[in-house]
Amino acid sequence: MNSFVVADPDKCIGCHTCEAACVVAHSGNRLFEQEESEIAFYPRLSVIETNEVTAPVQCRHCEDAPCANVCPNGSITNKEHSIFINQDTCIGCKTCMLVCPFGAIQMVTAYRDGQKQLQSGLRSNTAGVPSRKERIVAQKCDLCEESGNGPECVRVCPTSALRFIDQSQIEESAARKRMASAQLLQPFGDLSGF
């Protein structure tokens, strides 16, 4: 079973600390060396605010992931209990973004070693001047797998509104619910009349 991060809207205060932590976690130390105009601020989760609710929304790492099912070249796979996008092979077709029921996938400019990647074949023609076009790829929550420390958004949330859920926690939760359900039946213990 895939792991995921879930938010408690009753605890979220809409501070966007999770978004900032996500960008920092995926930028390495280079983020603080860059000029403000050079910073690519692409968090892999989005804090959504309405009149009724405030909560970060991100990939749920679906078991039967629609994004992986429609990816035309197999760039989205299941990797170590999560759904992973290989941005090196992503062609930026946007199909995954269209089918994600949570709106958790966005298209972003591809970077490598802090530099924007340009397409080798496609050119743009702006004001009669042909130039190489930026490479655009799909991006979503990867549970900060490369860090080895778990999701940074969970670690920094000041109100503990975000929780990392793995298979063992799901099994424990189901066991607690079954126990509570059994205890609710105790007043009706004598079923001999049925």
N, C-alpha and C. Protein backbone atom coordinates (compact mmCIF):
# COMPACT_ATOMS: atom_id res chain seq x y z
N MET A 1 0.84 -1.18 0.00
CA MET A 1 0.00 0.00 0.00
C MET A 1 0.89 1.24 0.00
N ASN A 2 0.51 2.22 -0.80
CA ASN A 2 1.31 3.44 -0.91
C ASN A 2 1.15 4.34 0.31
N SER A 3 2.20 5.03 0.64
CA SER A 3 2.17 6.03 1.70
C SER A 3 1.65 7.34 1.13
N PHE A 4 1.24 8.24 2.01
CA PHE A 4 0.76 9.55 1.57
C PHE A 4 0.75 10.50 2.76
N VAL A 5 0.54 11.79 2.46
CA VAL A 5 0.42 12.82 3.50
C VAL A 5 -1.01 13.32 3.46
N VAL A 6 -1.60 13.48 4.63
CA VAL A 6 -2.97 13.98 4.70
C VAL A 6 -3.01 15.16 5.66
N ALA A 7 -3.89 16.12 5.35
CA ALA A 7 -4.00 17.32 6.17
C ALA A 7 -5.27 17.31 6.99
N ASP A 8 -5.17 17.86 8.20
CA ASP A 8 -6.34 18.05 9.06
C ASP A 8 -6.76 19.51 8.93
N PRO A 9 -7.87 19.79 8.23
CA PRO A 9 -8.27 21.18 8.02
C PRO A 9 -8.64 21.91 9.31
N ASP A 10 -8.95 21.18 10.37
CA ASP A 10 -9.26 21.82 11.65
C ASP A 10 -8.01 22.40 12.31
N LYS A 11 -6.83 21.89 11.91
CA LYS A 11 -5.57 22.38 12.50
C LYS A 11 -4.84 23.35 11.58
N CYS A 12 -5.10 23.31 10.27
CA CYS A 12 -4.36 24.15 9.32
C CYS A 12 -4.73 25.62 9.52
N ILE A 13 -3.71 26.48 9.63
CA ILE A 13 -3.93 27.92 9.80
C ILE A 13 -3.60 28.69 8.52
N GLY A 14 -3.27 27.98 7.46
CA GLY A 14 -3.02 28.62 6.17
C GLY A 14 -1.76 29.45 6.12
N CYS A 15 -0.74 29.05 6.83
CA CYS A 15 0.50 29.85 6.92
C CYS A 15 1.42 29.62 5.73
N HIS A 16 1.20 28.60 4.94
CA HIS A 16 2.00 28.27 3.76
C HIS A 16 3.43 27.84 4.09
N THR A 17 3.71 27.56 5.36
CA THR A 17 5.04 27.07 5.74
C THR A 17 5.36 25.76 5.02
N CYS A 18 4.36 24.93 4.83
CA CYS A 18 4.56 23.64 4.14
C CYS A 18 5.02 23.86 2.70
N GLU A 19 4.46 24.86 2.03
CA GLU A 19 4.86 25.13 0.65
C GLU A 19 6.31 25.60 0.59
N ALA A 20 6.67 26.51 1.48
CA ALA A 20 8.05 27.01 1.50
C ALA A 20 9.02 25.87 1.82
N ALA A 21 8.67 25.03 2.78
CA ALA A 21 9.54 23.92 3.15
C ALA A 21 9.70 22.94 1.99
N CYS A 22 8.64 22.75 1.23
CA CYS A 22 8.70 21.85 0.07
C CYS A 22 9.68 22.39 -0.96
N VAL A 23 9.60 23.67 -1.25
CA VAL A 23 10.51 24.27 -2.24
C VAL A 23 11.95 24.17 -1.77
N VAL A 24 12.18 24.48 -0.51
CA VAL A 24 13.54 24.41 0.03
C VAL A 24 14.05 22.97 -0.02
N ALA A 25 13.21 22.02 0.33
CA ALA A 25 13.62 20.61 0.35
C ALA A 25 14.03 20.11 -1.03
N HIS A 26 13.43 20.66 -2.06
CA HIS A 26 13.72 20.20 -3.41
C HIS A 26 14.69 21.10 -4.15
N SER A 27 15.18 22.13 -3.50
CA SER A 27 16.12 23.05 -4.14
C SER A 27 17.53 22.89 -3.62
N GLY A 28 17.70 22.10 -2.59
CA GLY A 28 19.02 21.99 -2.00
C GLY A 28 19.39 23.32 -1.36
N ASN A 29 20.64 23.55 -1.20
CA ASN A 29 21.08 24.80 -0.58
C ASN A 29 21.15 25.95 -1.57
N ARG A 30 20.99 25.67 -2.85
CA ARG A 30 21.12 26.70 -3.87
C ARG A 30 20.05 27.79 -3.74
N LEU A 31 18.91 27.48 -3.15
CA LEU A 31 17.82 28.43 -3.05
C LEU A 31 18.27 29.73 -2.39
N PHE A 32 19.09 29.62 -1.37
CA PHE A 32 19.49 30.80 -0.62
C PHE A 32 20.66 31.54 -1.27
N GLU A 33 21.20 30.96 -2.34
CA GLU A 33 22.30 31.62 -3.07
C GLU A 33 21.79 32.38 -4.28
N GLN A 34 20.52 32.19 -4.65
CA GLN A 34 19.98 32.76 -5.87
C GLN A 34 19.37 34.15 -5.63
N GLU A 35 19.33 34.91 -6.71
CA GLU A 35 18.60 36.18 -6.69
C GLU A 35 17.11 35.85 -6.66
N GLU A 36 16.32 36.74 -6.08
CA GLU A 36 14.89 36.49 -5.96
C GLU A 36 14.24 36.21 -7.31
N SER A 37 14.69 36.93 -8.34
CA SER A 37 14.10 36.75 -9.68
C SER A 37 14.46 35.40 -10.29
N GLU A 38 15.48 34.74 -9.78
CA GLU A 38 15.92 33.45 -10.31
C GLU A 38 15.26 32.26 -9.63
N ILE A 39 14.59 32.50 -8.52
CA ILE A 39 14.03 31.40 -7.73
C ILE A 39 12.79 30.83 -8.42
N ALA A 40 12.82 29.54 -8.65
CA ALA A 40 11.66 28.83 -9.21
C ALA A 40 10.85 28.30 -8.04
N PHE A 41 9.79 29.00 -7.67
CA PHE A 41 9.00 28.62 -6.50
C PHE A 41 7.87 27.70 -6.95
N TYR A 42 8.16 26.40 -6.95
CA TYR A 42 7.19 25.39 -7.38
C TYR A 42 6.96 24.38 -6.26
N PRO A 43 6.15 24.73 -5.25
CA PRO A 43 5.87 23.73 -4.21
C PRO A 43 5.08 22.57 -4.79
N ARG A 44 5.25 21.41 -4.19
CA ARG A 44 4.59 20.20 -4.68
C ARG A 44 3.30 19.93 -3.92
N LEU A 45 2.83 20.93 -3.21
CA LEU A 45 1.51 20.91 -2.57
C LEU A 45 0.99 22.33 -2.62
N SER A 46 -0.32 22.50 -2.50
CA SER A 46 -0.92 23.83 -2.58
C SER A 46 -1.88 24.02 -1.42
N VAL A 47 -1.69 25.11 -0.68
CA VAL A 47 -2.61 25.44 0.40
C VAL A 47 -3.84 26.07 -0.24
N ILE A 48 -4.99 25.46 -0.02
CA ILE A 48 -6.25 25.92 -0.58
C ILE A 48 -7.05 26.58 0.54
N GLU A 49 -7.52 27.77 0.26
CA GLU A 49 -8.28 28.51 1.26
C GLU A 49 -9.64 28.90 0.69
N THR A 50 -10.70 28.53 1.41
CA THR A 50 -12.05 28.96 1.06
C THR A 50 -12.65 29.61 2.30
N ASN A 51 -13.89 30.01 2.24
CA ASN A 51 -14.55 30.56 3.42
C ASN A 51 -14.74 29.50 4.50
N GLU A 52 -14.79 28.23 4.09
CA GLU A 52 -15.07 27.15 5.04
C GLU A 52 -13.85 26.34 5.47
N VAL A 53 -12.83 26.28 4.64
CA VAL A 53 -11.74 25.35 4.93
C VAL A 53 -10.40 25.90 4.43
N THR A 54 -9.36 25.55 5.15
CA THR A 54 -7.99 25.83 4.73
C THR A 54 -7.20 24.55 4.93
N ALA A 55 -6.57 24.10 3.85
CA ALA A 55 -5.79 22.87 3.96
C ALA A 55 -4.87 22.72 2.76
N PRO A 56 -3.67 22.20 2.98
CA PRO A 56 -2.82 21.87 1.84
C PRO A 56 -3.35 20.64 1.12
N VAL A 57 -3.24 20.68 -0.21
CA VAL A 57 -3.68 19.56 -1.04
C VAL A 57 -2.47 19.08 -1.82
N GLN A 58 -2.29 17.77 -1.86
CA GLN A 58 -1.16 17.21 -2.56
C GLN A 58 -1.49 15.80 -3.02
N CYS A 59 -0.56 15.19 -3.72
CA CYS A 59 -0.74 13.86 -4.28
C CYS A 59 -1.11 12.86 -3.18
N ARG A 60 -2.09 12.01 -3.47
CA ARG A 60 -2.49 10.98 -2.52
C ARG A 60 -1.84 9.64 -2.84
N HIS A 61 -0.99 9.61 -3.84
CA HIS A 61 -0.27 8.39 -4.23
C HIS A 61 -1.26 7.24 -4.37
N CYS A 62 -2.25 7.44 -5.22
CA CYS A 62 -3.34 6.48 -5.45
C CYS A 62 -2.80 5.09 -5.76
N GLU A 63 -3.51 4.08 -5.27
CA GLU A 63 -3.10 2.70 -5.54
C GLU A 63 -3.28 2.36 -7.03
N ASP A 64 -4.40 2.79 -7.61
CA ASP A 64 -4.64 2.60 -9.04
C ASP A 64 -4.54 3.99 -9.66
N ALA A 65 -3.33 4.51 -9.70
CA ALA A 65 -3.08 5.91 -10.03
C ALA A 65 -3.50 6.25 -11.46
N PRO A 66 -4.51 7.12 -11.60
CA PRO A 66 -4.94 7.53 -12.95
C PRO A 66 -3.80 8.17 -13.74
N CYS A 67 -2.94 8.93 -13.07
CA CYS A 67 -1.84 9.60 -13.77
C CYS A 67 -0.89 8.58 -14.39
N ALA A 68 -0.61 7.50 -13.67
CA ALA A 68 0.29 6.47 -14.19
C ALA A 68 -0.39 5.68 -15.30
N ASN A 69 -1.71 5.47 -15.14
CA ASN A 69 -2.45 4.70 -16.14
C ASN A 69 -2.49 5.39 -17.50
N VAL A 70 -2.46 6.73 -17.51
CA VAL A 70 -2.58 7.44 -18.79
C VAL A 70 -1.25 7.93 -19.33
N CYS A 71 -0.20 7.85 -18.56
CA CYS A 71 1.10 8.36 -19.03
C CYS A 71 1.51 7.59 -20.30
N PRO A 72 1.69 8.30 -21.42
CA PRO A 72 1.91 7.60 -22.69
C PRO A 72 3.29 6.94 -22.83
N ASN A 73 4.24 7.33 -22.01
CA ASN A 73 5.58 6.73 -22.18
C ASN A 73 6.14 6.13 -20.89
N GLY A 74 5.27 5.86 -19.91
CA GLY A 74 5.70 5.16 -18.70
C GLY A 74 6.59 5.97 -17.78
N SER A 75 6.43 7.29 -17.81
CA SER A 75 7.26 8.13 -16.94
C SER A 75 6.74 8.18 -15.51
N ILE A 76 5.53 7.66 -15.26
CA ILE A 76 4.97 7.66 -13.91
C ILE A 76 4.86 6.20 -13.46
N THR A 77 5.54 5.89 -12.36
CA THR A 77 5.60 4.51 -11.88
C THR A 77 5.42 4.46 -10.37
N ASN A 78 5.20 3.24 -9.87
CA ASN A 78 5.15 3.02 -8.43
C ASN A 78 6.56 2.68 -7.98
N LYS A 79 7.05 3.44 -7.01
CA LYS A 79 8.42 3.27 -6.55
C LYS A 79 8.44 3.35 -5.03
N GLU A 80 8.81 2.27 -4.39
CA GLU A 80 8.94 2.23 -2.93
C GLU A 80 7.72 2.84 -2.23
N HIS A 81 6.55 2.34 -2.50
CA HIS A 81 5.30 2.74 -1.86
C HIS A 81 4.89 4.19 -2.15
N SER A 82 5.22 4.68 -3.35
CA SER A 82 4.75 6.00 -3.76
C SER A 82 4.66 6.04 -5.28
N ILE A 83 3.94 7.03 -5.78
CA ILE A 83 3.83 7.24 -7.22
C ILE A 83 4.87 8.29 -7.59
N PHE A 84 5.72 7.94 -8.53
CA PHE A 84 6.90 8.74 -8.85
C PHE A 84 6.86 9.18 -10.31
N ILE A 85 7.17 10.46 -10.56
CA ILE A 85 7.28 10.98 -11.93
C ILE A 85 8.76 11.09 -12.27
N ASN A 86 9.16 10.44 -13.35
CA ASN A 86 10.52 10.58 -13.84
C ASN A 86 10.56 11.79 -14.77
N GLN A 87 11.03 12.92 -14.23
CA GLN A 87 11.04 14.16 -15.02
C GLN A 87 12.05 14.10 -16.17
N ASP A 88 13.01 13.20 -16.11
CA ASP A 88 13.97 13.09 -17.21
C ASP A 88 13.31 12.53 -18.47
N THR A 89 12.28 11.69 -18.28
CA THR A 89 11.62 11.11 -19.46
C THR A 89 10.25 11.72 -19.74
N CYS A 90 9.74 12.55 -18.82
CA CYS A 90 8.44 13.20 -19.01
C CYS A 90 8.49 14.07 -20.27
N ILE A 91 7.43 13.96 -21.10
CA ILE A 91 7.38 14.75 -22.33
C ILE A 91 6.47 15.97 -22.18
N GLY A 92 5.92 16.17 -20.98
CA GLY A 92 5.11 17.38 -20.74
C GLY A 92 3.78 17.39 -21.47
N CYS A 93 3.17 16.22 -21.69
CA CYS A 93 1.92 16.14 -22.47
C CYS A 93 0.71 16.60 -21.68
N LYS A 94 0.81 16.71 -20.36
CA LYS A 94 -0.24 17.21 -19.47
C LYS A 94 -1.38 16.22 -19.23
N THR A 95 -1.32 15.03 -19.79
CA THR A 95 -2.40 14.06 -19.62
C THR A 95 -2.58 13.71 -18.14
N CYS A 96 -1.48 13.51 -17.43
CA CYS A 96 -1.55 13.17 -16.01
C CYS A 96 -2.22 14.28 -15.21
N MET A 97 -1.92 15.51 -15.57
CA MET A 97 -2.51 16.67 -14.88
C MET A 97 -4.01 16.69 -15.09
N LEU A 98 -4.46 16.36 -16.29
CA LEU A 98 -5.88 16.39 -16.60
C LEU A 98 -6.68 15.34 -15.86
N VAL A 99 -6.09 14.15 -15.62
CA VAL A 99 -6.86 13.06 -15.00
C VAL A 99 -6.72 13.01 -13.49
N CYS A 100 -5.80 13.73 -12.89
CA CYS A 100 -5.63 13.68 -11.43
C CYS A 100 -6.89 14.23 -10.75
N PRO A 101 -7.59 13.41 -9.95
CA PRO A 101 -8.82 13.89 -9.32
C PRO A 101 -8.60 14.91 -8.21
N PHE A 102 -7.36 15.07 -7.77
CA PHE A 102 -7.07 16.02 -6.68
C PHE A 102 -6.42 17.30 -7.17
N GLY A 103 -6.12 17.39 -8.45
CA GLY A 103 -5.42 18.57 -8.97
C GLY A 103 -4.02 18.68 -8.41
N ALA A 104 -3.42 17.56 -8.11
CA ALA A 104 -2.13 17.54 -7.42
C ALA A 104 -0.92 17.63 -8.34
N ILE A 105 -1.15 17.57 -9.65
CA ILE A 105 -0.03 17.62 -10.59
C ILE A 105 -0.05 18.96 -11.30
N GLN A 106 1.11 19.55 -11.40
CA GLN A 106 1.24 20.80 -12.14
C GLN A 106 2.39 20.70 -13.12
N MET A 107 2.37 21.55 -14.12
CA MET A 107 3.43 21.58 -15.11
C MET A 107 4.39 22.70 -14.73
N VAL A 108 5.67 22.39 -14.72
CA VAL A 108 6.69 23.36 -14.31
C VAL A 108 7.86 23.35 -15.28
N THR A 109 8.62 24.41 -15.27
CA THR A 109 9.84 24.47 -16.05
C THR A 109 10.85 23.48 -15.47
N ALA A 110 11.47 22.72 -16.34
CA ALA A 110 12.46 21.74 -15.90
C ALA A 110 13.80 22.42 -15.64
N TYR A 111 14.43 22.05 -14.53
CA TYR A 111 15.75 22.56 -14.16
C TYR A 111 16.71 21.40 -13.99
N ARG A 112 17.96 21.64 -14.31
CA ARG A 112 19.02 20.67 -14.01
C ARG A 112 20.23 21.47 -13.55
N ASP A 113 20.75 21.12 -12.41
CA ASP A 113 21.89 21.82 -11.82
C ASP A 113 21.63 23.32 -11.72
N GLY A 114 20.38 23.69 -11.38
CA GLY A 114 20.03 25.08 -11.21
C GLY A 114 19.79 25.85 -12.49
N GLN A 115 19.89 25.20 -13.62
CA GLN A 115 19.71 25.88 -14.91
C GLN A 115 18.44 25.37 -15.59
N LYS A 116 17.71 26.29 -16.23
CA LYS A 116 16.53 25.89 -16.99
C LYS A 116 16.95 24.97 -18.11
N GLN A 117 16.17 23.91 -18.31
CA GLN A 117 16.42 23.02 -19.44
C GLN A 117 15.69 23.55 -20.66
N LEU A 118 16.35 23.47 -21.80
CA LEU A 118 15.75 23.89 -23.05
C LEU A 118 15.55 22.67 -23.93
N GLN A 119 14.52 22.73 -24.78
CA GLN A 119 14.26 21.62 -25.69
C GLN A 119 15.27 21.65 -26.82
N SER A 120 15.66 20.47 -27.23
CA SER A 120 16.65 20.42 -28.30
C SER A 120 16.03 20.64 -29.67
N GLY A 121 14.77 20.23 -29.85
CA GLY A 121 14.17 20.32 -31.18
C GLY A 121 13.22 21.48 -31.36
N LEU A 122 12.30 21.66 -30.42
CA LEU A 122 11.26 22.68 -30.58
C LEU A 122 11.80 24.07 -30.27
N ARG A 123 11.47 25.01 -31.13
CA ARG A 123 11.88 26.40 -30.93
C ARG A 123 10.63 27.25 -30.81
N SER A 124 10.74 28.35 -30.11
CA SER A 124 9.65 29.32 -30.07
C SER A 124 10.06 30.50 -30.94
N ASN A 125 9.07 31.19 -31.45
CA ASN A 125 9.35 32.31 -32.33
C ASN A 125 8.66 33.53 -31.75
N THR A 126 9.38 34.26 -30.93
CA THR A 126 8.85 35.43 -30.28
C THR A 126 9.34 36.68 -31.02
N ALA A 127 8.40 37.43 -31.56
CA ALA A 127 8.71 38.66 -32.29
C ALA A 127 9.72 38.43 -33.42
N GLY A 128 9.54 37.30 -34.09
CA GLY A 128 10.40 37.02 -35.24
C GLY A 128 11.79 36.54 -34.91
N VAL A 129 12.02 36.25 -33.62
CA VAL A 129 13.35 35.78 -33.21
C VAL A 129 13.22 34.34 -32.71
N PRO A 130 13.67 33.37 -33.48
CA PRO A 130 13.58 31.98 -33.02
C PRO A 130 14.56 31.71 -31.89
N SER A 131 14.06 31.00 -30.89
CA SER A 131 14.94 30.63 -29.77
C SER A 131 14.48 29.28 -29.24
N ARG A 132 15.35 28.60 -28.54
CA ARG A 132 15.01 27.29 -27.98
C ARG A 132 13.95 27.47 -26.91
N LYS A 133 12.97 26.56 -26.90
CA LYS A 133 11.86 26.64 -25.96
C LYS A 133 12.21 25.91 -24.67
N GLU A 134 11.72 26.45 -23.53
CA GLU A 134 11.93 25.80 -22.24
C GLU A 134 11.25 24.44 -22.23
N ARG A 135 11.86 23.52 -21.53
CA ARG A 135 11.27 22.18 -21.36
C ARG A 135 10.33 22.23 -20.16
N ILE A 136 9.09 21.78 -20.34
CA ILE A 136 8.08 21.77 -19.29
C ILE A 136 7.79 20.31 -18.93
N VAL A 137 7.73 20.02 -17.61
CA VAL A 137 7.49 18.64 -17.15
C VAL A 137 6.46 18.63 -16.03
N ALA A 138 5.92 17.45 -15.78
CA ALA A 138 4.95 17.27 -14.70
C ALA A 138 5.68 17.19 -13.35
N GLN A 139 5.01 17.71 -12.32
CA GLN A 139 5.59 17.68 -10.97
C GLN A 139 4.49 17.46 -9.94
N LYS A 140 4.81 16.70 -8.92
CA LYS A 140 3.89 16.48 -7.80
C LYS A 140 4.67 16.03 -6.58
N CYS A 141 4.00 15.85 -5.47
CA CYS A 141 4.64 15.40 -4.23
C CYS A 141 5.36 14.07 -4.45
N ASP A 142 6.59 13.99 -3.97
CA ASP A 142 7.36 12.74 -4.04
C ASP A 142 7.69 12.22 -2.64
N LEU A 143 7.01 12.76 -1.64
CA LEU A 143 7.21 12.37 -0.24
C LEU A 143 8.65 12.61 0.23
N CYS A 144 9.36 13.48 -0.47
CA CYS A 144 10.76 13.83 -0.13
C CYS A 144 11.61 12.56 -0.01
N GLU A 145 11.40 11.63 -0.93
CA GLU A 145 12.11 10.35 -0.85
C GLU A 145 13.62 10.50 -0.90
N GLU A 146 14.11 11.46 -1.67
CA GLU A 146 15.56 11.61 -1.79
C GLU A 146 16.21 12.03 -0.50
N SER A 147 15.47 12.74 0.36
CA SER A 147 16.07 13.22 1.61
C SER A 147 16.28 12.07 2.60
N GLY A 148 15.41 11.07 2.53
CA GLY A 148 15.50 9.96 3.47
C GLY A 148 14.96 10.31 4.85
N ASN A 149 14.44 11.54 5.01
CA ASN A 149 13.92 11.98 6.30
C ASN A 149 12.41 12.11 6.33
N GLY A 150 11.75 11.69 5.26
CA GLY A 150 10.29 11.83 5.20
C GLY A 150 9.91 13.20 4.69
N PRO A 151 8.61 13.41 4.54
CA PRO A 151 8.12 14.68 3.98
C PRO A 151 8.46 15.88 4.86
N GLU A 152 9.12 16.85 4.26
CA GLU A 152 9.52 18.05 4.98
C GLU A 152 8.31 18.87 5.43
N CYS A 153 7.23 18.86 4.63
CA CYS A 153 6.03 19.62 4.99
C CYS A 153 5.48 19.16 6.33
N VAL A 154 5.54 17.87 6.58
CA VAL A 154 5.03 17.32 7.85
C VAL A 154 5.92 17.79 8.99
N ARG A 155 7.22 17.76 8.76
CA ARG A 155 8.18 18.12 9.82
C ARG A 155 8.04 19.58 10.26
N VAL A 156 7.76 20.49 9.31
CA VAL A 156 7.78 21.92 9.65
C VAL A 156 6.42 22.49 10.02
N CYS A 157 5.36 21.77 9.80
CA CYS A 157 4.02 22.34 10.06
C CYS A 157 3.91 22.77 11.53
N PRO A 158 3.66 24.06 11.79
CA PRO A 158 3.66 24.55 13.18
C PRO A 158 2.47 24.06 14.00
N THR A 159 1.42 23.58 13.35
CA THR A 159 0.24 23.11 14.10
C THR A 159 0.04 21.60 13.99
N SER A 160 0.99 20.91 13.40
CA SER A 160 0.89 19.45 13.19
C SER A 160 -0.37 19.08 12.42
N ALA A 161 -0.71 19.92 11.44
CA ALA A 161 -1.90 19.65 10.62
C ALA A 161 -1.65 18.58 9.57
N LEU A 162 -0.38 18.32 9.27
CA LEU A 162 -0.05 17.33 8.26
C LEU A 162 0.47 16.06 8.92
N ARG A 163 0.04 14.91 8.38
CA ARG A 163 0.50 13.62 8.90
C ARG A 163 0.95 12.74 7.76
N PHE A 164 2.07 12.07 7.96
CA PHE A 164 2.55 11.07 7.02
C PHE A 164 1.89 9.75 7.39
N ILE A 165 1.25 9.12 6.42
CA ILE A 165 0.53 7.88 6.66
C ILE A 165 1.19 6.76 5.86
N ASP A 166 1.61 5.71 6.55
CA ASP A 166 2.15 4.54 5.84
C ASP A 166 1.26 3.33 6.14
N GLN A 167 1.59 2.20 5.55
CA GLN A 167 0.74 1.03 5.65
C GLN A 167 0.49 0.60 7.09
N SER A 168 1.51 0.65 7.94
CA SER A 168 1.33 0.20 9.32
C SER A 168 0.33 1.08 10.06
N GLN A 169 0.33 2.39 9.76
CA GLN A 169 -0.61 3.28 10.43
C GLN A 169 -2.04 3.02 9.95
N ILE A 170 -2.20 2.69 8.68
CA ILE A 170 -3.52 2.37 8.16
C ILE A 170 -4.05 1.12 8.83
N GLU A 171 -3.19 0.11 8.98
CA GLU A 171 -3.62 -1.14 9.63
C GLU A 171 -3.97 -0.91 11.10
N GLU A 172 -3.17 -0.07 11.80
CA GLU A 172 -3.48 0.25 13.20
C GLU A 172 -4.80 0.98 13.31
N SER A 173 -5.04 1.93 12.41
CA SER A 173 -6.29 2.69 12.42
C SER A 173 -7.48 1.77 12.19
N ALA A 174 -7.37 0.86 11.23
CA ALA A 174 -8.45 -0.07 10.95
C ALA A 174 -8.70 -0.98 12.15
N ALA A 175 -7.64 -1.41 12.82
CA ALA A 175 -7.79 -2.28 14.00
C ALA A 175 -8.49 -1.52 15.12
N ARG A 176 -8.13 -0.25 15.32
CA ARG A 176 -8.79 0.56 16.36
C ARG A 176 -10.28 0.72 16.05
N LYS A 177 -10.60 0.98 14.79
CA LYS A 177 -12.01 1.15 14.40
C LYS A 177 -12.80 -0.14 14.58
N ARG A 178 -12.19 -1.29 14.26
CA ARG A 178 -12.88 -2.57 14.46
C ARG A 178 -13.13 -2.81 15.95
N MET A 179 -12.13 -2.45 16.79
CA MET A 179 -12.28 -2.62 18.24
C MET A 179 -13.40 -1.73 18.76
N ALA A 180 -13.44 -0.47 18.31
CA ALA A 180 -14.49 0.45 18.74
C ALA A 180 -15.85 -0.05 18.27
N SER A 181 -15.91 -0.60 17.07
CA SER A 181 -17.16 -1.14 16.54
C SER A 181 -17.65 -2.32 17.37
N ALA A 182 -16.72 -3.19 17.75
CA ALA A 182 -17.08 -4.35 18.57
C ALA A 182 -17.58 -3.90 19.93
N GLN A 183 -16.96 -2.87 20.50
CA GLN A 183 -17.39 -2.39 21.82
C GLN A 183 -18.78 -1.76 21.75
N LEU A 184 -19.13 -1.16 20.61
CA LEU A 184 -20.48 -0.60 20.45
C LEU A 184 -21.55 -1.69 20.47
N LEU A 185 -21.16 -2.92 20.12
CA LEU A 185 -22.12 -4.03 20.09
C LEU A 185 -22.38 -4.63 21.47
N GLN A 186 -21.53 -4.31 22.44
CA GLN A 186 -21.62 -4.94 23.76
C GLN A 186 -23.01 -4.82 24.39
N PRO A 187 -23.70 -3.64 24.33
CA PRO A 187 -25.05 -3.58 24.94
C PRO A 187 -26.06 -4.52 24.29
N PHE A 188 -25.76 -4.96 23.09
CA PHE A 188 -26.69 -5.84 22.37
C PHE A 188 -26.19 -7.28 22.36
N GLY A 189 -25.43 -7.66 23.38
CA GLY A 189 -24.72 -8.92 23.39
C GLY A 189 -25.57 -10.17 23.23
N ASP A 190 -26.76 -10.19 23.79
CA ASP A 190 -27.58 -11.40 23.69
C ASP A 190 -28.36 -11.40 22.38
N LEU A 191 -27.85 -12.13 21.43
CA LEU A 191 -28.49 -12.21 20.12
C LEU A 191 -29.25 -13.53 19.96
N SER A 192 -29.57 -14.18 21.11
CA SER A 192 -30.22 -15.48 21.02
C SER A 192 -31.61 -15.39 20.41
N GLY A 193 -32.22 -14.18 20.47
CA GLY A 193 -33.55 -14.02 19.89
C GLY A 193 -33.56 -13.97 18.38
N PHE A 194 -32.41 -13.87 17.80
CA PHE A 194 -32.36 -13.78 16.33
C PHE A 194 -32.17 -15.12 15.70
